[in-house]
Amino acid sequence: MGCFCKRSSGMSPKLLQQLRSKLSLLAQCFPGARAAFIVNTNGGILVNTGDDEAASRAAPMLESLRNAALDFGSSVGQKDGPVIHIKGERSLFSCYDLRTHMVAVYSEMHSSTSDLFDAVRADDKVGPIVDDLRIMLSSAAP
């Protein structure tokens, strides 16, 4: 599991536990979720629930992915923060912009489950959780 020490994140253990609880709820929206994690703009993992290795592999690339999504969205007139789903034959990677951070979920599933996965429906379920995470992180900003 991820590191939750106040010294490395600057956040209180209570807030980190609240973030972890929200991440657990978020992961429940995705079948086969192996990791749900929040990263800062430098790709550092703030909090993680699940597979440390999966989170560690993906975290450094999230800011680049976010910037590419913002650039692409801007070119087609999209002004909202990115919601990104990358779907493979047996995996799904979803991430959501939290303004100062990104939250991501990595899932592995059988190909038939992957084919049936409804990203719009998942986004509807995830929306309130992502909103809560934004509020929690913005209130923790120095």
N, C-alpha and C. Protein backbone atom coordinates (compact mmCIF):
# COMPACT_ATOMS: atom_id res chain seq x y z
N MET A 1 0.83 -1.19 0.00
CA MET A 1 0.00 0.00 0.00
C MET A 1 0.88 1.25 0.00
N GLY A 2 0.30 2.38 -0.38
CA GLY A 2 1.04 3.62 -0.49
C GLY A 2 1.45 4.21 0.84
N CYS A 3 2.36 5.13 0.81
CA CYS A 3 2.85 5.80 2.01
C CYS A 3 1.89 6.90 2.42
N PHE A 4 1.59 6.97 3.69
CA PHE A 4 0.66 7.97 4.19
C PHE A 4 1.28 8.82 5.28
N CYS A 5 2.55 9.05 5.22
CA CYS A 5 3.18 9.78 6.32
C CYS A 5 3.09 11.28 6.09
N LYS A 6 2.79 12.01 7.16
CA LYS A 6 2.62 13.46 7.09
C LYS A 6 3.89 14.14 6.58
N ARG A 7 5.02 13.63 6.98
CA ARG A 7 6.29 14.24 6.59
C ARG A 7 6.46 14.29 5.07
N SER A 8 6.08 13.24 4.35
CA SER A 8 6.32 13.22 2.91
C SER A 8 5.25 13.97 2.13
N SER A 9 4.01 14.03 2.62
CA SER A 9 2.94 14.68 1.86
C SER A 9 2.60 16.07 2.40
N GLY A 10 2.94 16.35 3.66
CA GLY A 10 2.55 17.61 4.26
C GLY A 10 1.11 17.62 4.72
N MET A 11 0.40 16.51 4.60
CA MET A 11 -1.01 16.43 4.99
C MET A 11 -1.14 15.61 6.26
N SER A 12 -2.19 15.91 6.99
CA SER A 12 -2.41 15.20 8.25
C SER A 12 -2.80 13.75 7.99
N PRO A 13 -2.47 12.88 8.92
CA PRO A 13 -2.88 11.47 8.79
C PRO A 13 -4.40 11.32 8.66
N LYS A 14 -5.15 12.19 9.32
CA LYS A 14 -6.61 12.13 9.23
C LYS A 14 -7.08 12.41 7.81
N LEU A 15 -6.53 13.44 7.17
CA LEU A 15 -6.90 13.76 5.80
C LEU A 15 -6.49 12.64 4.85
N LEU A 16 -5.30 12.11 5.04
CA LEU A 16 -4.85 11.01 4.18
C LEU A 16 -5.77 9.80 4.31
N GLN A 17 -6.25 9.53 5.52
CA GLN A 17 -7.18 8.41 5.71
C GLN A 17 -8.52 8.71 5.03
N GLN A 18 -8.98 9.95 5.08
CA GLN A 18 -10.21 10.33 4.39
C GLN A 18 -10.06 10.19 2.87
N LEU A 19 -8.91 10.59 2.35
CA LEU A 19 -8.64 10.42 0.92
C LEU A 19 -8.62 8.94 0.54
N ARG A 20 -8.00 8.15 1.38
CA ARG A 20 -7.95 6.71 1.14
C ARG A 20 -9.35 6.10 1.12
N SER A 21 -10.21 6.55 2.01
CA SER A 21 -11.60 6.06 2.03
C SER A 21 -12.33 6.42 0.74
N LYS A 22 -12.13 7.64 0.25
CA LYS A 22 -12.75 8.07 -1.01
C LYS A 22 -12.21 7.24 -2.18
N LEU A 23 -10.90 6.95 -2.15
CA LEU A 23 -10.32 6.14 -3.21
C LEU A 23 -10.92 4.73 -3.23
N SER A 24 -11.20 4.19 -2.07
CA SER A 24 -11.82 2.87 -1.99
C SER A 24 -13.21 2.90 -2.62
N LEU A 25 -13.97 3.96 -2.35
CA LEU A 25 -15.29 4.12 -2.99
C LEU A 25 -15.15 4.26 -4.50
N LEU A 26 -14.18 5.02 -4.92
CA LEU A 26 -13.93 5.22 -6.34
C LEU A 26 -13.63 3.88 -7.02
N ALA A 27 -12.77 3.09 -6.42
CA ALA A 27 -12.37 1.81 -7.00
C ALA A 27 -13.56 0.87 -7.17
N GLN A 28 -14.56 0.99 -6.29
CA GLN A 28 -15.74 0.13 -6.39
C GLN A 28 -16.56 0.40 -7.65
N CYS A 29 -16.35 1.52 -8.29
CA CYS A 29 -17.08 1.87 -9.52
C CYS A 29 -16.48 1.20 -10.75
N PHE A 30 -15.35 0.53 -10.59
CA PHE A 30 -14.64 -0.08 -11.71
C PHE A 30 -14.43 -1.56 -11.45
N PRO A 31 -14.97 -2.43 -12.30
CA PRO A 31 -14.76 -3.86 -12.10
C PRO A 31 -13.28 -4.22 -12.23
N GLY A 32 -12.81 -5.04 -11.33
CA GLY A 32 -11.42 -5.49 -11.40
C GLY A 32 -10.39 -4.44 -11.03
N ALA A 33 -10.79 -3.41 -10.28
CA ALA A 33 -9.84 -2.35 -9.91
C ALA A 33 -8.68 -2.94 -9.11
N ARG A 34 -7.47 -2.67 -9.56
CA ARG A 34 -6.26 -3.13 -8.86
C ARG A 34 -5.60 -2.02 -8.07
N ALA A 35 -5.79 -0.77 -8.52
CA ALA A 35 -5.17 0.36 -7.82
C ALA A 35 -5.99 1.62 -8.08
N ALA A 36 -6.13 2.42 -7.05
CA ALA A 36 -6.70 3.76 -7.17
C ALA A 36 -5.73 4.67 -6.43
N PHE A 37 -5.34 5.77 -7.07
CA PHE A 37 -4.30 6.60 -6.46
C PHE A 37 -4.43 8.04 -6.90
N ILE A 38 -3.87 8.92 -6.07
CA ILE A 38 -3.83 10.35 -6.34
C ILE A 38 -2.37 10.74 -6.51
N VAL A 39 -2.10 11.51 -7.57
CA VAL A 39 -0.73 11.98 -7.80
C VAL A 39 -0.71 13.50 -7.89
N ASN A 40 0.44 14.06 -7.54
CA ASN A 40 0.62 15.50 -7.70
C ASN A 40 1.12 15.80 -9.11
N THR A 41 1.36 17.06 -9.42
CA THR A 41 1.76 17.44 -10.77
C THR A 41 3.17 16.97 -11.13
N ASN A 42 3.93 16.51 -10.16
CA ASN A 42 5.27 15.96 -10.43
C ASN A 42 5.24 14.45 -10.61
N GLY A 43 4.05 13.85 -10.55
CA GLY A 43 3.93 12.40 -10.68
C GLY A 43 4.17 11.65 -9.40
N GLY A 44 4.28 12.37 -8.28
CA GLY A 44 4.46 11.71 -6.99
C GLY A 44 3.14 11.21 -6.45
N ILE A 45 3.13 9.99 -5.95
CA ILE A 45 1.91 9.41 -5.40
C ILE A 45 1.65 9.98 -4.02
N LEU A 46 0.51 10.62 -3.85
CA LEU A 46 0.11 11.17 -2.57
C LEU A 46 -0.51 10.09 -1.70
N VAL A 47 -1.41 9.32 -2.28
CA VAL A 47 -2.07 8.23 -1.55
C VAL A 47 -2.48 7.17 -2.57
N ASN A 48 -2.43 5.91 -2.14
CA ASN A 48 -2.72 4.79 -3.03
C ASN A 48 -3.48 3.73 -2.26
N THR A 49 -4.47 3.16 -2.92
CA THR A 49 -5.10 1.96 -2.38
C THR A 49 -4.92 0.88 -3.43
N GLY A 50 -4.34 -0.20 -3.05
CA GLY A 50 -4.17 -1.29 -4.00
C GLY A 50 -2.73 -1.56 -4.36
N ASP A 51 -2.54 -1.94 -5.60
CA ASP A 51 -1.28 -2.44 -6.13
C ASP A 51 -0.27 -1.30 -6.29
N ASP A 52 0.75 -1.29 -5.44
CA ASP A 52 1.79 -0.25 -5.50
C ASP A 52 2.53 -0.25 -6.83
N GLU A 53 2.80 -1.43 -7.36
CA GLU A 53 3.56 -1.52 -8.61
C GLU A 53 2.79 -0.91 -9.78
N ALA A 54 1.49 -1.20 -9.88
CA ALA A 54 0.68 -0.64 -10.97
C ALA A 54 0.62 0.89 -10.85
N ALA A 55 0.44 1.38 -9.64
CA ALA A 55 0.38 2.83 -9.42
C ALA A 55 1.73 3.47 -9.74
N SER A 56 2.80 2.86 -9.30
CA SER A 56 4.14 3.42 -9.53
C SER A 56 4.51 3.49 -11.00
N ARG A 57 4.05 2.51 -11.78
CA ARG A 57 4.33 2.53 -13.22
C ARG A 57 3.56 3.65 -13.92
N ALA A 58 2.33 3.89 -13.52
CA ALA A 58 1.48 4.86 -14.22
C ALA A 58 1.67 6.30 -13.75
N ALA A 59 1.96 6.49 -12.48
CA ALA A 59 1.98 7.84 -11.89
C ALA A 59 2.86 8.85 -12.62
N PRO A 60 4.09 8.51 -12.99
CA PRO A 60 4.95 9.51 -13.62
C PRO A 60 4.43 10.02 -14.98
N MET A 61 3.55 9.27 -15.60
CA MET A 61 3.06 9.65 -16.93
C MET A 61 1.76 10.45 -16.89
N LEU A 62 1.13 10.56 -15.73
CA LEU A 62 -0.18 11.19 -15.66
C LEU A 62 -0.17 12.66 -16.03
N GLU A 63 0.82 13.41 -15.63
CA GLU A 63 0.85 14.83 -15.96
C GLU A 63 0.98 15.04 -17.46
N SER A 64 1.80 14.24 -18.12
CA SER A 64 1.91 14.32 -19.58
C SER A 64 0.59 13.96 -20.25
N LEU A 65 -0.05 12.93 -19.74
CA LEU A 65 -1.35 12.52 -20.28
C LEU A 65 -2.38 13.62 -20.08
N ARG A 66 -2.38 14.23 -18.91
CA ARG A 66 -3.30 15.32 -18.61
C ARG A 66 -3.06 16.50 -19.56
N ASN A 67 -1.81 16.88 -19.74
CA ASN A 67 -1.49 18.00 -20.64
C ASN A 67 -1.90 17.70 -22.07
N ALA A 68 -1.67 16.48 -22.52
CA ALA A 68 -2.07 16.11 -23.88
C ALA A 68 -3.59 16.17 -24.02
N ALA A 69 -4.32 15.71 -23.01
CA ALA A 69 -5.78 15.76 -23.05
C ALA A 69 -6.28 17.20 -23.05
N LEU A 70 -5.66 18.06 -22.24
CA LEU A 70 -6.05 19.48 -22.22
C LEU A 70 -5.78 20.14 -23.57
N ASP A 71 -4.62 19.86 -24.16
CA ASP A 71 -4.28 20.43 -25.47
C ASP A 71 -5.26 19.95 -26.53
N PHE A 72 -5.54 18.65 -26.54
CA PHE A 72 -6.48 18.11 -27.51
C PHE A 72 -7.87 18.70 -27.30
N GLY A 73 -8.32 18.74 -26.04
CA GLY A 73 -9.63 19.30 -25.73
C GLY A 73 -9.75 20.74 -26.17
N SER A 74 -8.71 21.50 -25.94
CA SER A 74 -8.69 22.90 -26.34
C SER A 74 -8.83 23.04 -27.85
N SER A 75 -8.20 22.15 -28.59
CA SER A 75 -8.26 22.23 -30.05
C SER A 75 -9.64 21.92 -30.60
N VAL A 76 -10.48 21.24 -29.82
CA VAL A 76 -11.84 20.94 -30.27
C VAL A 76 -12.89 21.68 -29.44
N GLY A 77 -12.46 22.71 -28.70
CA GLY A 77 -13.39 23.56 -27.97
C GLY A 77 -13.85 23.04 -26.63
N GLN A 78 -13.19 22.05 -26.09
CA GLN A 78 -13.55 21.50 -24.78
C GLN A 78 -12.80 22.26 -23.70
N LYS A 79 -13.50 22.83 -22.75
CA LYS A 79 -12.85 23.66 -21.74
C LYS A 79 -12.76 22.99 -20.36
N ASP A 80 -13.49 21.91 -20.13
CA ASP A 80 -13.47 21.23 -18.84
C ASP A 80 -12.18 20.46 -18.65
N GLY A 81 -11.89 20.17 -17.38
CA GLY A 81 -10.74 19.34 -17.07
C GLY A 81 -10.94 17.94 -17.62
N PRO A 82 -9.86 17.27 -17.93
CA PRO A 82 -9.99 15.99 -18.62
C PRO A 82 -10.48 14.84 -17.75
N VAL A 83 -11.26 14.03 -18.38
CA VAL A 83 -11.60 12.70 -17.90
C VAL A 83 -11.08 11.78 -19.00
N ILE A 84 -10.21 10.87 -18.63
CA ILE A 84 -9.55 10.05 -19.64
C ILE A 84 -9.78 8.58 -19.31
N HIS A 85 -10.19 7.83 -20.32
CA HIS A 85 -10.31 6.38 -20.20
C HIS A 85 -9.47 5.77 -21.32
N ILE A 86 -8.57 4.88 -20.95
CA ILE A 86 -7.77 4.14 -21.92
C ILE A 86 -8.10 2.67 -21.71
N LYS A 87 -8.69 2.09 -22.73
CA LYS A 87 -9.20 0.73 -22.62
C LYS A 87 -8.41 -0.22 -23.50
N GLY A 88 -7.89 -1.25 -22.88
CA GLY A 88 -7.21 -2.32 -23.60
C GLY A 88 -8.10 -3.54 -23.66
N GLU A 89 -7.58 -4.61 -24.18
CA GLU A 89 -8.37 -5.83 -24.29
C GLU A 89 -8.79 -6.35 -22.92
N ARG A 90 -7.89 -6.26 -21.94
CA ARG A 90 -8.18 -6.77 -20.60
C ARG A 90 -7.90 -5.76 -19.49
N SER A 91 -7.72 -4.53 -19.87
CA SER A 91 -7.42 -3.53 -18.84
C SER A 91 -8.12 -2.21 -19.14
N LEU A 92 -8.26 -1.43 -18.11
CA LEU A 92 -8.86 -0.10 -18.22
C LEU A 92 -8.10 0.82 -17.29
N PHE A 93 -7.72 1.96 -17.82
CA PHE A 93 -7.06 2.99 -17.03
C PHE A 93 -7.92 4.24 -17.13
N SER A 94 -8.40 4.73 -16.01
CA SER A 94 -9.26 5.92 -15.98
C SER A 94 -8.63 6.95 -15.08
N CYS A 95 -8.63 8.21 -15.52
CA CYS A 95 -8.12 9.26 -14.66
C CYS A 95 -8.96 10.52 -14.79
N TYR A 96 -8.97 11.27 -13.69
CA TYR A 96 -9.81 12.44 -13.54
C TYR A 96 -8.97 13.58 -13.00
N ASP A 97 -9.15 14.74 -13.58
CA ASP A 97 -8.42 15.94 -13.17
C ASP A 97 -9.01 16.48 -11.87
N LEU A 98 -8.16 16.73 -10.89
CA LEU A 98 -8.57 17.32 -9.61
C LEU A 98 -8.02 18.74 -9.46
N ARG A 99 -7.67 19.37 -10.55
CA ARG A 99 -7.05 20.70 -10.63
C ARG A 99 -5.59 20.66 -10.21
N THR A 100 -5.32 20.45 -8.94
CA THR A 100 -3.93 20.43 -8.47
C THR A 100 -3.34 19.02 -8.43
N HIS A 101 -4.16 18.02 -8.66
CA HIS A 101 -3.76 16.62 -8.62
C HIS A 101 -4.54 15.86 -9.70
N MET A 102 -4.21 14.61 -9.86
CA MET A 102 -4.97 13.69 -10.70
C MET A 102 -5.30 12.46 -9.86
N VAL A 103 -6.48 11.89 -10.11
CA VAL A 103 -6.83 10.63 -9.48
C VAL A 103 -6.99 9.61 -10.60
N ALA A 104 -6.47 8.42 -10.37
CA ALA A 104 -6.50 7.39 -11.41
C ALA A 104 -6.91 6.05 -10.82
N VAL A 105 -7.51 5.24 -11.68
CA VAL A 105 -7.89 3.87 -11.32
C VAL A 105 -7.38 2.96 -12.43
N TYR A 106 -6.67 1.92 -12.02
CA TYR A 106 -6.21 0.91 -12.96
C TYR A 106 -6.97 -0.38 -12.67
N SER A 107 -7.61 -0.93 -13.72
CA SER A 107 -8.41 -2.15 -13.58
C SER A 107 -7.95 -3.20 -14.57
N GLU A 108 -8.06 -4.44 -14.16
CA GLU A 108 -7.86 -5.57 -15.05
C GLU A 108 -9.13 -6.39 -15.02
N MET A 109 -9.59 -6.79 -16.20
CA MET A 109 -10.85 -7.52 -16.27
C MET A 109 -10.84 -8.47 -17.46
N HIS A 110 -11.72 -9.42 -17.43
CA HIS A 110 -11.91 -10.33 -18.55
C HIS A 110 -12.37 -9.52 -19.75
N SER A 111 -11.99 -9.94 -20.94
CA SER A 111 -12.32 -9.16 -22.14
C SER A 111 -13.82 -8.96 -22.32
N SER A 112 -14.65 -9.92 -21.90
CA SER A 112 -16.10 -9.73 -22.03
C SER A 112 -16.59 -8.64 -21.09
N THR A 113 -16.00 -8.53 -19.91
CA THR A 113 -16.35 -7.46 -18.97
C THR A 113 -15.89 -6.12 -19.52
N SER A 114 -14.71 -6.11 -20.09
CA SER A 114 -14.18 -4.89 -20.69
C SER A 114 -15.08 -4.40 -21.82
N ASP A 115 -15.55 -5.33 -22.64
CA ASP A 115 -16.43 -4.96 -23.75
C ASP A 115 -17.74 -4.34 -23.27
N LEU A 116 -18.23 -4.78 -22.11
CA LEU A 116 -19.50 -4.30 -21.59
C LEU A 116 -19.37 -3.06 -20.70
N PHE A 117 -18.15 -2.67 -20.38
CA PHE A 117 -17.94 -1.55 -19.46
C PHE A 117 -18.50 -0.25 -20.08
N ASP A 118 -19.30 0.45 -19.31
CA ASP A 118 -19.92 1.71 -19.75
C ASP A 118 -19.22 2.87 -19.04
N ALA A 119 -18.33 3.55 -19.75
CA ALA A 119 -17.54 4.63 -19.16
C ALA A 119 -18.42 5.80 -18.74
N VAL A 120 -19.45 6.11 -19.49
CA VAL A 120 -20.34 7.22 -19.15
C VAL A 120 -21.06 6.94 -17.83
N ARG A 121 -21.51 5.73 -17.68
CA ARG A 121 -22.19 5.34 -16.43
C ARG A 121 -21.22 5.40 -15.24
N ALA A 122 -20.00 4.92 -15.47
CA ALA A 122 -18.99 4.98 -14.40
C ALA A 122 -18.69 6.44 -14.04
N ASP A 123 -18.57 7.31 -15.06
CA ASP A 123 -18.31 8.73 -14.79
C ASP A 123 -19.42 9.35 -13.96
N ASP A 124 -20.66 8.96 -14.21
CA ASP A 124 -21.79 9.47 -13.43
C ASP A 124 -21.67 9.06 -11.96
N LYS A 125 -21.26 7.82 -11.72
CA LYS A 125 -21.07 7.33 -10.34
C LYS A 125 -19.88 8.00 -9.67
N VAL A 126 -18.83 8.20 -10.44
CA VAL A 126 -17.57 8.72 -9.92
C VAL A 126 -17.62 10.23 -9.67
N GLY A 127 -18.46 10.94 -10.41
CA GLY A 127 -18.51 12.40 -10.33
C GLY A 127 -18.56 12.97 -8.92
N PRO A 128 -19.50 12.54 -8.08
CA PRO A 128 -19.55 13.08 -6.72
C PRO A 128 -18.30 12.76 -5.88
N ILE A 129 -17.70 11.60 -6.12
CA ILE A 129 -16.48 11.24 -5.38
C ILE A 129 -15.33 12.14 -5.82
N VAL A 130 -15.22 12.37 -7.12
CA VAL A 130 -14.18 13.26 -7.64
C VAL A 130 -14.38 14.68 -7.11
N ASP A 131 -15.63 15.13 -7.06
CA ASP A 131 -15.91 16.46 -6.50
C ASP A 131 -15.46 16.54 -5.04
N ASP A 132 -15.74 15.50 -4.27
CA ASP A 132 -15.31 15.47 -2.86
C ASP A 132 -13.79 15.52 -2.75
N LEU A 133 -13.11 14.76 -3.61
CA LEU A 133 -11.64 14.77 -3.59
C LEU A 133 -11.10 16.16 -3.91
N ARG A 134 -11.70 16.84 -4.89
CA ARG A 134 -11.26 18.22 -5.23
C ARG A 134 -11.37 19.12 -4.01
N ILE A 135 -12.51 19.05 -3.34
CA ILE A 135 -12.75 19.90 -2.17
C ILE A 135 -11.75 19.56 -1.07
N MET A 136 -11.55 18.29 -0.81
CA MET A 136 -10.63 17.88 0.25
C MET A 136 -9.21 18.34 -0.03
N LEU A 137 -8.77 18.22 -1.28
CA LEU A 137 -7.41 18.63 -1.63
C LEU A 137 -7.26 20.14 -1.66
N SER A 138 -8.30 20.86 -2.10
CA SER A 138 -8.18 22.32 -2.13
C SER A 138 -8.18 22.91 -0.73
N SER A 139 -8.91 22.26 0.19
CA SER A 139 -8.91 22.76 1.57
C SER A 139 -7.60 22.46 2.28
N ALA A 140 -6.85 21.48 1.77
CA ALA A 140 -5.57 21.11 2.37
C ALA A 140 -4.41 21.91 1.81
N ALA A 141 -4.67 22.66 0.73
CA ALA A 141 -3.57 23.42 0.10
C ALA A 141 -3.06 24.48 1.04
N PRO A 142 -1.72 24.70 1.03
CA PRO A 142 -1.14 25.68 1.94
C PRO A 142 -1.54 27.10 1.58
